[in-house]
Amino acid sequence: YNVNRSTGLICASGIIAPVIPPSIPMIIFGVTSGVSITELFMGGIVPGILMGVGLMIVWTFIARKDDSELPPRKTMK
């Protein structure tokens, strides 16, 4: 794969980590601000899933446009 594009994918997916529960930054924010951690978890599920699905859709189009040749599949033997 192209090094620049794969690096971009890794950096973009790293942004999603603090949003998807259970994440350490979310727990620290809940403890220090007095917000319910359960409510933070419930509020982070949908945005995290939407961010992940959006990233998958965009990178599917980018990978198809790139025309990278995939290695042959290996058999279960």
N, C-alpha and C. Protein backbone atom coordinates (compact mmCIF):
# COMPACT_ATOMS: atom_id res chain seq x y z
N TYR A 1 0.83 -1.19 0.00
CA TYR A 1 0.00 0.00 0.00
C TYR A 1 0.87 1.25 0.00
N ASN A 2 0.30 2.34 -0.44
CA ASN A 2 0.99 3.61 -0.46
C ASN A 2 1.26 4.04 1.00
N VAL A 3 2.50 4.38 1.30
CA VAL A 3 2.89 4.71 2.67
C VAL A 3 2.16 5.96 3.18
N ASN A 4 2.04 6.97 2.33
CA ASN A 4 1.37 8.19 2.77
C ASN A 4 -0.11 7.95 3.06
N ARG A 5 -0.77 7.17 2.23
CA ARG A 5 -2.19 6.91 2.47
C ARG A 5 -2.40 6.02 3.68
N SER A 6 -1.58 5.03 3.87
CA SER A 6 -1.74 4.16 5.04
C SER A 6 -1.45 4.94 6.33
N THR A 7 -0.50 5.86 6.30
CA THR A 7 -0.23 6.70 7.45
C THR A 7 -1.42 7.62 7.74
N GLY A 8 -2.02 8.15 6.70
CA GLY A 8 -3.21 8.98 6.87
C GLY A 8 -4.37 8.21 7.47
N LEU A 9 -4.53 6.97 7.06
CA LEU A 9 -5.60 6.13 7.61
C LEU A 9 -5.38 5.86 9.09
N ILE A 10 -4.15 5.56 9.47
CA ILE A 10 -3.84 5.31 10.87
C ILE A 10 -4.07 6.55 11.72
N CYS A 11 -3.66 7.71 11.21
CA CYS A 11 -3.86 8.96 11.95
C CYS A 11 -5.34 9.30 12.08
N ALA A 12 -6.10 9.10 11.01
CA ALA A 12 -7.53 9.42 11.05
C ALA A 12 -8.28 8.47 11.97
N SER A 13 -7.89 7.22 12.00
CA SER A 13 -8.59 6.27 12.88
C SER A 13 -8.20 6.48 14.35
N GLY A 14 -7.06 7.07 14.61
CA GLY A 14 -6.65 7.35 15.99
C GLY A 14 -7.52 8.40 16.65
N ILE A 15 -8.18 9.23 15.85
CA ILE A 15 -9.08 10.25 16.40
C ILE A 15 -10.33 9.61 17.00
N ILE A 16 -10.72 8.46 16.49
CA ILE A 16 -11.96 7.82 16.93
C ILE A 16 -11.80 7.20 18.33
N ALA A 17 -10.62 6.83 18.71
CA ALA A 17 -10.40 6.09 19.96
C ALA A 17 -10.93 6.79 21.21
N PRO A 18 -10.75 8.09 21.40
CA PRO A 18 -11.30 8.71 22.62
C PRO A 18 -12.82 8.79 22.65
N VAL A 19 -13.47 8.63 21.51
CA VAL A 19 -14.92 8.77 21.46
C VAL A 19 -15.63 7.45 21.79
N ILE A 20 -15.06 6.34 21.34
CA ILE A 20 -15.71 5.04 21.53
C ILE A 20 -15.49 4.57 22.97
N PRO A 21 -16.58 4.26 23.68
CA PRO A 21 -16.43 3.81 25.07
C PRO A 21 -15.93 2.38 25.12
N PRO A 22 -15.29 1.97 26.17
CA PRO A 22 -14.80 2.75 27.29
C PRO A 22 -13.43 3.33 26.96
N SER A 23 -13.30 4.61 27.06
CA SER A 23 -12.02 5.25 26.77
C SER A 23 -11.54 6.00 28.01
N ILE A 24 -10.26 6.00 28.20
CA ILE A 24 -9.66 6.64 29.37
C ILE A 24 -9.96 8.14 29.41
N PRO A 25 -9.82 8.88 28.28
CA PRO A 25 -10.15 10.31 28.36
C PRO A 25 -11.60 10.57 28.77
N MET A 26 -12.51 9.72 28.34
CA MET A 26 -13.91 9.89 28.70
C MET A 26 -14.13 9.66 30.20
N ILE A 27 -13.46 8.66 30.74
CA ILE A 27 -13.59 8.38 32.18
C ILE A 27 -12.98 9.51 33.01
N ILE A 28 -11.81 9.99 32.59
CA ILE A 28 -11.17 11.10 33.31
C ILE A 28 -12.04 12.35 33.26
N PHE A 29 -12.63 12.65 32.11
CA PHE A 29 -13.52 13.80 32.00
C PHE A 29 -14.73 13.65 32.91
N GLY A 30 -15.30 12.45 32.97
CA GLY A 30 -16.46 12.22 33.82
C GLY A 30 -16.15 12.37 35.29
N VAL A 31 -15.01 11.87 35.71
CA VAL A 31 -14.63 11.95 37.12
C VAL A 31 -14.31 13.39 37.52
N THR A 32 -13.56 14.11 36.70
CA THR A 32 -13.16 15.46 37.08
C THR A 32 -14.30 16.48 36.98
N SER A 33 -15.25 16.25 36.08
CA SER A 33 -16.32 17.24 35.92
C SER A 33 -17.61 16.85 36.63
N GLY A 34 -17.69 15.64 37.15
CA GLY A 34 -18.87 15.21 37.86
C GLY A 34 -20.00 14.74 36.96
N VAL A 35 -19.70 14.48 35.70
CA VAL A 35 -20.70 13.98 34.76
C VAL A 35 -20.78 12.47 34.89
N SER A 36 -21.97 11.92 34.73
CA SER A 36 -22.17 10.48 34.83
C SER A 36 -21.39 9.77 33.72
N ILE A 37 -20.55 8.82 34.12
CA ILE A 37 -19.75 8.08 33.15
C ILE A 37 -20.65 7.20 32.28
N THR A 38 -21.73 6.69 32.85
CA THR A 38 -22.67 5.88 32.07
C THR A 38 -23.29 6.72 30.96
N GLU A 39 -23.67 7.96 31.26
CA GLU A 39 -24.23 8.83 30.24
C GLU A 39 -23.20 9.19 29.18
N LEU A 40 -21.95 9.36 29.59
CA LEU A 40 -20.90 9.63 28.61
C LEU A 40 -20.71 8.42 27.69
N PHE A 41 -20.74 7.22 28.25
CA PHE A 41 -20.62 6.02 27.43
C PHE A 41 -21.77 5.92 26.44
N MET A 42 -22.98 6.17 26.92
CA MET A 42 -24.14 6.09 26.03
C MET A 42 -24.08 7.17 24.96
N GLY A 43 -23.54 8.33 25.29
CA GLY A 43 -23.42 9.40 24.32
C GLY A 43 -22.28 9.22 23.34
N GLY A 44 -21.36 8.33 23.61
CA GLY A 44 -20.22 8.12 22.73
C GLY A 44 -20.37 6.96 21.77
N ILE A 45 -21.36 6.12 21.98
CA ILE A 45 -21.51 4.93 21.14
C ILE A 45 -21.88 5.32 19.71
N VAL A 46 -22.95 6.08 19.55
CA VAL A 46 -23.44 6.41 18.21
C VAL A 46 -22.43 7.26 17.43
N PRO A 47 -21.87 8.33 18.00
CA PRO A 47 -20.87 9.09 17.22
C PRO A 47 -19.65 8.25 16.85
N GLY A 48 -19.22 7.37 17.74
CA GLY A 48 -18.07 6.52 17.44
C GLY A 48 -18.34 5.56 16.30
N ILE A 49 -19.55 4.98 16.30
CA ILE A 49 -19.92 4.06 15.22
C ILE A 49 -20.05 4.83 13.91
N LEU A 50 -20.67 6.00 13.95
CA LEU A 50 -20.82 6.80 12.73
C LEU A 50 -19.47 7.24 12.17
N MET A 51 -18.54 7.61 13.03
CA MET A 51 -17.21 7.99 12.57
C MET A 51 -16.49 6.81 11.94
N GLY A 52 -16.61 5.63 12.56
CA GLY A 52 -15.98 4.44 12.02
C GLY A 52 -16.56 4.02 10.68
N VAL A 53 -17.89 4.05 10.57
CA VAL A 53 -18.54 3.68 9.31
C VAL A 53 -18.19 4.68 8.21
N GLY A 54 -18.19 5.97 8.56
CA GLY A 54 -17.81 6.98 7.57
C GLY A 54 -16.39 6.81 7.07
N LEU A 55 -15.49 6.49 7.98
CA LEU A 55 -14.10 6.26 7.59
C LEU A 55 -13.98 5.03 6.70
N MET A 56 -14.73 3.97 7.00
CA MET A 56 -14.69 2.77 6.17
C MET A 56 -15.21 3.05 4.76
N ILE A 57 -16.29 3.83 4.66
CA ILE A 57 -16.86 4.13 3.34
C ILE A 57 -15.88 4.94 2.50
N VAL A 58 -15.32 5.98 3.09
CA VAL A 58 -14.37 6.83 2.35
C VAL A 58 -13.16 6.04 1.90
N TRP A 59 -12.60 5.23 2.79
CA TRP A 59 -11.39 4.49 2.44
C TRP A 59 -11.67 3.34 1.50
N THR A 60 -12.91 2.86 1.43
CA THR A 60 -13.26 1.86 0.42
C THR A 60 -13.16 2.49 -0.96
N PHE A 61 -13.70 3.69 -1.11
CA PHE A 61 -13.60 4.39 -2.39
C PHE A 61 -12.16 4.72 -2.74
N ILE A 62 -11.39 5.14 -1.77
CA ILE A 62 -9.99 5.49 -2.02
C ILE A 62 -9.19 4.25 -2.43
N ALA A 63 -9.42 3.12 -1.77
CA ALA A 63 -8.70 1.89 -2.09
C ALA A 63 -9.07 1.39 -3.48
N ARG A 64 -10.34 1.52 -3.86
CA ARG A 64 -10.75 1.09 -5.21
C ARG A 64 -10.16 2.01 -6.27
N LYS A 65 -10.06 3.29 -5.99
CA LYS A 65 -9.50 4.24 -6.93
C LYS A 65 -8.00 4.04 -7.09
N ASP A 66 -7.34 3.60 -6.05
CA ASP A 66 -5.89 3.43 -6.03
C ASP A 66 -5.43 2.27 -6.92
N ASP A 67 -6.30 1.31 -7.18
CA ASP A 67 -5.98 0.13 -7.99
C ASP A 67 -4.77 -0.64 -7.46
N SER A 68 -4.71 -0.86 -6.16
CA SER A 68 -3.63 -1.66 -5.61
C SER A 68 -3.95 -3.14 -5.80
N GLU A 69 -2.93 -3.87 -6.17
CA GLU A 69 -3.11 -5.29 -6.42
C GLU A 69 -2.99 -6.05 -5.10
N LEU A 70 -3.99 -6.86 -4.80
CA LEU A 70 -4.00 -7.63 -3.57
C LEU A 70 -3.25 -8.94 -3.76
N PRO A 71 -2.61 -9.43 -2.71
CA PRO A 71 -1.94 -10.73 -2.81
C PRO A 71 -2.98 -11.84 -2.94
N PRO A 72 -2.64 -12.97 -3.52
CA PRO A 72 -3.62 -14.05 -3.65
C PRO A 72 -4.04 -14.59 -2.27
N ARG A 73 -5.29 -15.03 -2.20
CA ARG A 73 -5.79 -15.57 -0.93
C ARG A 73 -5.16 -16.93 -0.64
N LYS A 74 -4.93 -17.19 0.61
CA LYS A 74 -4.37 -18.46 1.02
C LYS A 74 -5.52 -19.41 1.37
N THR A 75 -5.31 -20.67 1.11
CA THR A 75 -6.33 -21.67 1.43
C THR A 75 -6.28 -22.02 2.91
N MET A 76 -7.31 -22.68 3.39
CA MET A 76 -7.37 -23.07 4.78
C MET A 76 -6.42 -24.24 5.10
N LYS A 77 -5.91 -24.89 4.08
CA LYS A 77 -4.98 -26.00 4.30
C LYS A 77 -3.73 -25.45 4.83
